[in-house]
Amino acid sequence: MLSHVRWPALAALLACHGGCNATTGGGGHASPPPGVTLERLTVTSKSFPSNGQIPVDYTCDGADKSPQLTWSAPPAGTKAFAVIVDDPDAPGGDFIHWVAFNIKGDTSSLPEAVDVTTLGGVAGTNGFNRPGYAGPCPPKMELHNYAFHVFALDASVAAQPGASADDLESAMSGHVLGEGILVGNFSH
């Protein structure tokens, strides 16, 4: 899944101070079009600070609603966005909490508790085998990090509704113009 390319980026993010964002930069995941350099998006949230604790409302212990997300101006040519939220600390390896794609290219934020289909987007399937967002729910007494990846794409992708993160990353390959990551953490 995503963990083989996410750990270096996650480690770099955790070493940053407030508001730091980074891109993952290659190695088997969705890539930019030939000849295009992957640009950085800055991803923030009104719901929690960068590298901060994710409030209970956005987890399985609360309302389990998606947090608000905002990202910086995308690269020229952006036609769509995709969001993947993963937990690289999960016991069985990388665990996916949200897959959303084909969000309109003029979008710069998602409100909390969003159903991306109301914005013209498509919901993929998370690691709980459900469409939409499923909040952090680590084993008791474990602190896990959650990476909110936002991808700027040069086209809508041909993934089907209910696509997995792996399916989406395959469909995005050759279409990623920019990426940003916001990391938060949670423990019961």
C-alpha atoms as a PDB file:
ATOM      1  CA  MET A   1       0.000   0.000   0.000  1.00  0.00           C
ATOM      2  CA  LEU A   2       1.236   3.484   0.850  1.00  0.00           C
ATOM      3  CA  SER A   3       3.565   2.815   3.766  1.00  0.00           C
ATOM      4  CA  HIS A   4       6.680   2.107   1.732  1.00  0.00           C
ATOM      5  CA  VAL A   5       6.660   5.662   0.384  1.00  0.00           C
ATOM      6  CA  ARG A   6       4.983   7.420   3.299  1.00  0.00           C
ATOM      7  CA  TRP A   7       7.377   6.670   6.191  1.00  0.00           C
ATOM      8  CA  PRO A   8      10.168   9.019   5.017  1.00  0.00           C
ATOM      9  CA  ALA A   9       7.665  11.800   4.388  1.00  0.00           C
ATOM     10  CA  LEU A  10       5.891  11.153   7.682  1.00  0.00           C
ATOM     11  CA  ALA A  11       9.193  11.215   9.591  1.00  0.00           C
ATOM     12  CA  ALA A  12      10.102  14.508   7.936  1.00  0.00           C
ATOM     13  CA  LEU A  13       6.697  15.952   8.788  1.00  0.00           C
ATOM     14  CA  LEU A  14       6.906  14.907  12.409  1.00  0.00           C
ATOM     15  CA  ALA A  15      10.296  16.600  12.655  1.00  0.00           C
ATOM     16  CA  CYS A  16       8.761  19.867  11.393  1.00  0.00           C
ATOM     17  CA  HIS A  17       7.293  22.609  13.526  1.00  0.00           C
ATOM     18  CA  GLY A  18       3.688  23.899  13.122  1.00  0.00           C
ATOM     19  CA  GLY A  19       2.369  24.150   9.599  1.00  0.00           C
ATOM     20  CA  CYS A  20       5.128  22.173   7.928  1.00  0.00           C
ATOM     21  CA  ASN A  21       4.050  20.234   4.851  1.00  0.00           C
ATOM     22  CA  ALA A  22       5.982  18.044   2.455  1.00  0.00           C
ATOM     23  CA  THR A  23       5.572  15.881  -0.590  1.00  0.00           C
ATOM     24  CA  THR A  24       6.447  12.250  -0.811  1.00  0.00           C
ATOM     25  CA  GLY A  25       8.481  12.468  -3.992  1.00  0.00           C
ATOM     26  CA  GLY A  26       8.400   9.257  -5.971  1.00  0.00           C
ATOM     27  CA  GLY A  27       9.028   5.597  -5.436  1.00  0.00           C
ATOM     28  CA  GLY A  28       6.067   3.530  -6.581  1.00  0.00           C
ATOM     29  CA  HIS A  29       3.096   5.759  -5.912  1.00  0.00           C
ATOM     30  CA  ALA A  30       1.085   8.099  -8.111  1.00  0.00           C
ATOM     31  CA  SER A  31       3.481  10.157 -10.184  1.00  0.00           C
ATOM     32  CA  PRO A  32       3.443  13.423 -12.126  1.00  0.00           C
ATOM     33  CA  PRO A  33       3.080  13.578 -15.901  1.00  0.00           C
ATOM     34  CA  PRO A  34       6.372  13.123 -17.801  1.00  0.00           C
ATOM     35  CA  GLY A  35       8.540  16.225 -17.586  1.00  0.00           C
ATOM     36  CA  VAL A  36       6.514  17.796 -14.757  1.00  0.00           C
ATOM     37  CA  THR A  37       7.997  18.471 -11.310  1.00  0.00           C
ATOM     38  CA  LEU A  38       5.685  17.609  -8.429  1.00  0.00           C
ATOM     39  CA  GLU A  39       4.678  20.829  -6.651  1.00  0.00           C
ATOM     40  CA  ARG A  40       3.939  21.233  -2.957  1.00  0.00           C
ATOM     41  CA  LEU A  41       0.508  22.039  -1.576  1.00  0.00           C
ATOM     42  CA  THR A  42       0.167  23.382   1.948  1.00  0.00           C
ATOM     43  CA  VAL A  43      -2.642  21.545   3.742  1.00  0.00           C
ATOM     44  CA  THR A  44      -4.154  22.953   6.939  1.00  0.00           C
ATOM     45  CA  SER A  45      -7.258  22.377   9.027  1.00  0.00           C
ATOM     46  CA  LYS A  46      -9.434  24.487  11.299  1.00  0.00           C
ATOM     47  CA  SER A  47     -10.198  21.207  13.097  1.00  0.00           C
ATOM     48  CA  PHE A  48      -6.678  20.430  14.374  1.00  0.00           C
ATOM     49  CA  PRO A  49      -3.138  21.845  14.123  1.00  0.00           C
ATOM     50  CA  SER A  50      -0.346  20.321  12.060  1.00  0.00           C
ATOM     51  CA  ASN A  51       1.245  17.489  14.067  1.00  0.00           C
ATOM     52  CA  GLY A  52      -1.403  18.034  16.751  1.00  0.00           C
ATOM     53  CA  GLN A  53      -4.059  15.896  18.349  1.00  0.00           C
ATOM     54  CA  ILE A  54      -7.152  15.162  16.277  1.00  0.00           C
ATOM     55  CA  PRO A  55     -10.232  16.051  18.376  1.00  0.00           C
ATOM     56  CA  VAL A  56     -12.551  13.213  19.438  1.00  0.00           C
ATOM     57  CA  ASP A  57     -15.393  14.434  17.164  1.00  0.00           C
ATOM     58  CA  TYR A  58     -13.355  13.332  14.136  1.00  0.00           C
ATOM     59  CA  THR A  59     -12.664   9.818  15.504  1.00  0.00           C
ATOM     60  CA  CYS A  60     -14.524   6.578  16.203  1.00  0.00           C
ATOM     61  CA  ASP A  61     -14.925   7.731  19.824  1.00  0.00           C
ATOM     62  CA  GLY A  62     -16.985  10.748  18.722  1.00  0.00           C
ATOM     63  CA  ALA A  63     -19.154  11.771  15.784  1.00  0.00           C
ATOM     64  CA  ASP A  64     -16.681  10.159  13.346  1.00  0.00           C
ATOM     65  CA  LYS A  65     -17.032  13.097  10.953  1.00  0.00           C
ATOM     66  CA  SER A  66     -14.343  14.234   8.562  1.00  0.00           C
ATOM     67  CA  PRO A  67     -12.330  17.285   9.659  1.00  0.00           C
ATOM     68  CA  GLN A  68     -12.256  20.537   7.731  1.00  0.00           C
ATOM     69  CA  LEU A  69      -9.350  20.714   5.258  1.00  0.00           C
ATOM     70  CA  THR A  70      -7.930  23.664   3.316  1.00  0.00           C
ATOM     71  CA  TRP A  71      -5.110  23.659   0.780  1.00  0.00           C
ATOM     72  CA  SER A  72      -3.030  26.287  -0.953  1.00  0.00           C
ATOM     73  CA  ALA A  73      -3.475  27.376  -4.553  1.00  0.00           C
ATOM     74  CA  PRO A  74      -2.840  24.402  -6.817  1.00  0.00           C
ATOM     75  CA  PRO A  75      -0.429  24.228  -9.729  1.00  0.00           C
ATOM     76  CA  ALA A  76      -1.582  25.556 -13.105  1.00  0.00           C
ATOM     77  CA  GLY A  77      -3.546  22.948 -15.007  1.00  0.00           C
ATOM     78  CA  THR A  78      -5.201  21.386 -11.947  1.00  0.00           C
ATOM     79  CA  LYS A  79      -8.548  19.889 -12.980  1.00  0.00           C
ATOM     80  CA  ALA A  80      -9.348  17.734  -9.932  1.00  0.00           C
ATOM     81  CA  PHE A  81      -8.247  16.814  -6.413  1.00  0.00           C
ATOM     82  CA  ALA A  82      -8.011  13.546  -4.528  1.00  0.00           C
ATOM     83  CA  VAL A  83      -7.720  12.898  -0.788  1.00  0.00           C
ATOM     84  CA  ILE A  84      -6.292   9.812   0.883  1.00  0.00           C
ATOM     85  CA  VAL A  85      -6.010   9.524   4.668  1.00  0.00           C
ATOM     86  CA  ASP A  86      -3.817   6.758   6.006  1.00  0.00           C
ATOM     87  CA  ASP A  87      -2.497   5.454   9.328  1.00  0.00           C
ATOM     88  CA  PRO A  88       1.055   4.181   8.820  1.00  0.00           C
ATOM     89  CA  ASP A  89       1.195   3.083  12.488  1.00  0.00           C
ATOM     90  CA  ALA A  90      -1.577   0.471  12.164  1.00  0.00           C
ATOM     91  CA  PRO A  91      -0.633  -3.010  13.479  1.00  0.00           C
ATOM     92  CA  GLY A  92      -1.252  -4.715  10.117  1.00  0.00           C
ATOM     93  CA  GLY A  93       0.525  -2.042   8.094  1.00  0.00           C
ATOM     94  CA  ASP A  94      -0.807   1.061   6.401  1.00  0.00           C
ATOM     95  CA  PHE A  95      -4.553   1.462   7.092  1.00  0.00           C
ATOM     96  CA  ILE A  96      -6.771   3.677   4.920  1.00  0.00           C
ATOM     97  CA  HIS A  97      -9.345   5.960   6.553  1.00  0.00           C
ATOM     98  CA  TRP A  98     -10.576   7.984   3.576  1.00  0.00           C
ATOM     99  CA  VAL A  99     -10.460   7.833  -0.194  1.00  0.00           C
ATOM    100  CA  ALA A 100     -12.070  10.655  -2.169  1.00  0.00           C
ATOM    101  CA  PHE A 101     -11.365  11.769  -5.716  1.00  0.00           C
ATOM    102  CA  ASN A 102     -12.477  13.779  -8.740  1.00  0.00           C
ATOM    103  CA  ILE A 103     -13.186  16.727  -6.460  1.00  0.00           C
ATOM    104  CA  LYS A 104     -13.533  19.777  -8.708  1.00  0.00           C
ATOM    105  CA  GLY A 105     -10.286  21.578  -9.524  1.00  0.00           C
ATOM    106  CA  ASP A 106     -11.550  24.971  -8.318  1.00  0.00           C
ATOM    107  CA  THR A 107     -12.090  23.595  -4.794  1.00  0.00           C
ATOM    108  CA  SER A 108      -9.721  24.916  -2.119  1.00  0.00           C
ATOM    109  CA  SER A 109     -11.242  23.361   0.984  1.00  0.00           C
ATOM    110  CA  LEU A 110     -13.574  20.697   2.292  1.00  0.00           C
ATOM    111  CA  PRO A 111     -15.964  21.480   5.142  1.00  0.00           C
ATOM    112  CA  GLU A 112     -16.145  19.159   8.133  1.00  0.00           C
ATOM    113  CA  ALA A 113     -18.512  16.193   7.820  1.00  0.00           C
ATOM    114  CA  VAL A 114     -18.414  16.508   4.031  1.00  0.00           C
ATOM    115  CA  ASP A 115     -19.976  14.015   1.680  1.00  0.00           C
ATOM    116  CA  VAL A 116     -17.692  14.564  -1.321  1.00  0.00           C
ATOM    117  CA  THR A 117     -20.421  13.410  -3.689  1.00  0.00           C
ATOM    118  CA  THR A 118     -22.347  16.615  -2.871  1.00  0.00           C
ATOM    119  CA  LEU A 119     -19.357  18.527  -4.293  1.00  0.00           C
ATOM    120  CA  GLY A 120     -19.259  16.439  -7.464  1.00  0.00           C
ATOM    121  CA  GLY A 121     -16.543  14.155  -6.094  1.00  0.00           C
ATOM    122  CA  VAL A 122     -16.418  10.377  -5.812  1.00  0.00           C
ATOM    123  CA  ALA A 123     -16.104   8.358  -2.597  1.00  0.00           C
ATOM    124  CA  GLY A 124     -13.696   5.433  -2.516  1.00  0.00           C
ATOM    125  CA  THR A 125     -13.648   2.559  -0.037  1.00  0.00           C
ATOM    126  CA  ASN A 126     -11.751   2.907   3.241  1.00  0.00           C
ATOM    127  CA  GLY A 127     -10.037   0.139   5.218  1.00  0.00           C
ATOM    128  CA  PHE A 128     -13.292  -0.635   7.037  1.00  0.00           C
ATOM    129  CA  ASN A 129     -14.779  -1.618   3.648  1.00  0.00           C
ATOM    130  CA  ARG A 130     -17.114   1.397   3.659  1.00  0.00           C
ATOM    131  CA  PRO A 131     -17.344   4.425   1.406  1.00  0.00           C
ATOM    132  CA  GLY A 132     -16.421   7.826   2.795  1.00  0.00           C
ATOM    133  CA  TYR A 133     -14.514   8.907   5.867  1.00  0.00           C
ATOM    134  CA  ALA A 134     -13.847   6.661   8.870  1.00  0.00           C
ATOM    135  CA  GLY A 135     -11.990   8.431  11.630  1.00  0.00           C
ATOM    136  CA  PRO A 136      -8.985   7.394  13.679  1.00  0.00           C
ATOM    137  CA  CYS A 137      -9.618   4.321  15.824  1.00  0.00           C
ATOM    138  CA  PRO A 138      -6.268   2.922  16.994  1.00  0.00           C
ATOM    139  CA  PRO A 139      -5.930   0.087  19.491  1.00  0.00           C
ATOM    140  CA  LYS A 140      -6.413   1.295  23.080  1.00  0.00           C
ATOM    141  CA  MET A 141      -3.409   3.033  24.618  1.00  0.00           C
ATOM    142  CA  GLU A 142      -1.601   3.456  21.269  1.00  0.00           C
ATOM    143  CA  LEU A 143      -0.794   6.852  19.769  1.00  0.00           C
ATOM    144  CA  HIS A 144      -1.109   6.760  15.974  1.00  0.00           C
ATOM    145  CA  ASN A 145      -0.319   9.366  13.320  1.00  0.00           C
ATOM    146  CA  TYR A 146      -2.779  10.056  10.512  1.00  0.00           C
ATOM    147  CA  ALA A 147      -1.622  11.565   7.217  1.00  0.00           C
ATOM    148  CA  PHE A 148      -4.163  13.593   5.229  1.00  0.00           C
ATOM    149  CA  HIS A 149      -2.803  13.591   1.656  1.00  0.00           C
ATOM    150  CA  VAL A 150      -4.252  16.035  -0.880  1.00  0.00           C
ATOM    151  CA  PHE A 151      -3.320  15.506  -4.529  1.00  0.00           C
ATOM    152  CA  ALA A 152      -3.758  18.084  -7.340  1.00  0.00           C
ATOM    153  CA  LEU A 153      -4.454  16.261 -10.616  1.00  0.00           C
ATOM    154  CA  ASP A 154      -4.292  17.333 -14.259  1.00  0.00           C
ATOM    155  CA  ALA A 155      -7.526  15.428 -15.036  1.00  0.00           C
ATOM    156  CA  SER A 156     -10.344  13.556 -13.389  1.00  0.00           C
ATOM    157  CA  VAL A 157      -9.233   9.971 -12.930  1.00  0.00           C
ATOM    158  CA  ALA A 158     -10.884   6.845 -14.303  1.00  0.00           C
ATOM    159  CA  ALA A 159     -11.229   5.069 -10.951  1.00  0.00           C
ATOM    160  CA  GLN A 160     -14.679   3.695 -10.147  1.00  0.00           C
ATOM    161  CA  PRO A 161     -16.826   4.724  -7.159  1.00  0.00           C
ATOM    162  CA  GLY A 162     -15.745   2.584  -4.240  1.00  0.00           C
ATOM    163  CA  ALA A 163     -12.136   2.389  -5.487  1.00  0.00           C
ATOM    164  CA  SER A 164      -9.493   1.443  -2.940  1.00  0.00           C
ATOM    165  CA  ALA A 165      -6.509   3.695  -2.229  1.00  0.00           C
ATOM    166  CA  ASP A 166      -4.328   1.373  -4.317  1.00  0.00           C
ATOM    167  CA  ASP A 167      -6.789   1.552  -7.231  1.00  0.00           C
ATOM    168  CA  LEU A 168      -6.865   5.329  -6.944  1.00  0.00           C
ATOM    169  CA  GLU A 169      -3.078   5.639  -6.827  1.00  0.00           C
ATOM    170  CA  SER A 170      -2.828   3.516  -9.976  1.00  0.00           C
ATOM    171  CA  ALA A 171      -5.424   5.689 -11.719  1.00  0.00           C
ATOM    172  CA  MET A 172      -3.624   8.876 -10.594  1.00  0.00           C
ATOM    173  CA  SER A 173      -0.250   7.738 -11.933  1.00  0.00           C
ATOM    174  CA  GLY A 174       0.957  10.244 -14.513  1.00  0.00           C
ATOM    175  CA  HIS A 175      -1.614  12.846 -13.412  1.00  0.00           C
ATOM    176  CA  VAL A 176      -0.323  14.247 -10.097  1.00  0.00           C
ATOM    177  CA  LEU A 177       0.729  17.906 -10.354  1.00  0.00           C
ATOM    178  CA  GLY A 178       1.044  18.565  -6.613  1.00  0.00           C
ATOM    179  CA  GLU A 179       0.714  16.950  -3.210  1.00  0.00           C
ATOM    180  CA  GLY A 180       0.431  18.175   0.350  1.00  0.00           C
ATOM    181  CA  ILE A 181       0.219  16.355   3.661  1.00  0.00           C
ATOM    182  CA  LEU A 182      -1.272  17.320   7.004  1.00  0.00           C
ATOM    183  CA  VAL A 183      -0.461  14.994   9.905  1.00  0.00           C
ATOM    184  CA  GLY A 184      -2.453  14.675  13.106  1.00  0.00           C
ATOM    185  CA  ASN A 185      -2.405  12.108  15.884  1.00  0.00           C
ATOM    186  CA  PHE A 186      -4.886  10.345  18.134  1.00  0.00           C
ATOM    187  CA  SER A 187      -4.995   7.921  21.045  1.00  0.00           C
ATOM    188  CA  HIS A 188      -7.977   6.641  23.066  1.00  0.00           C
END
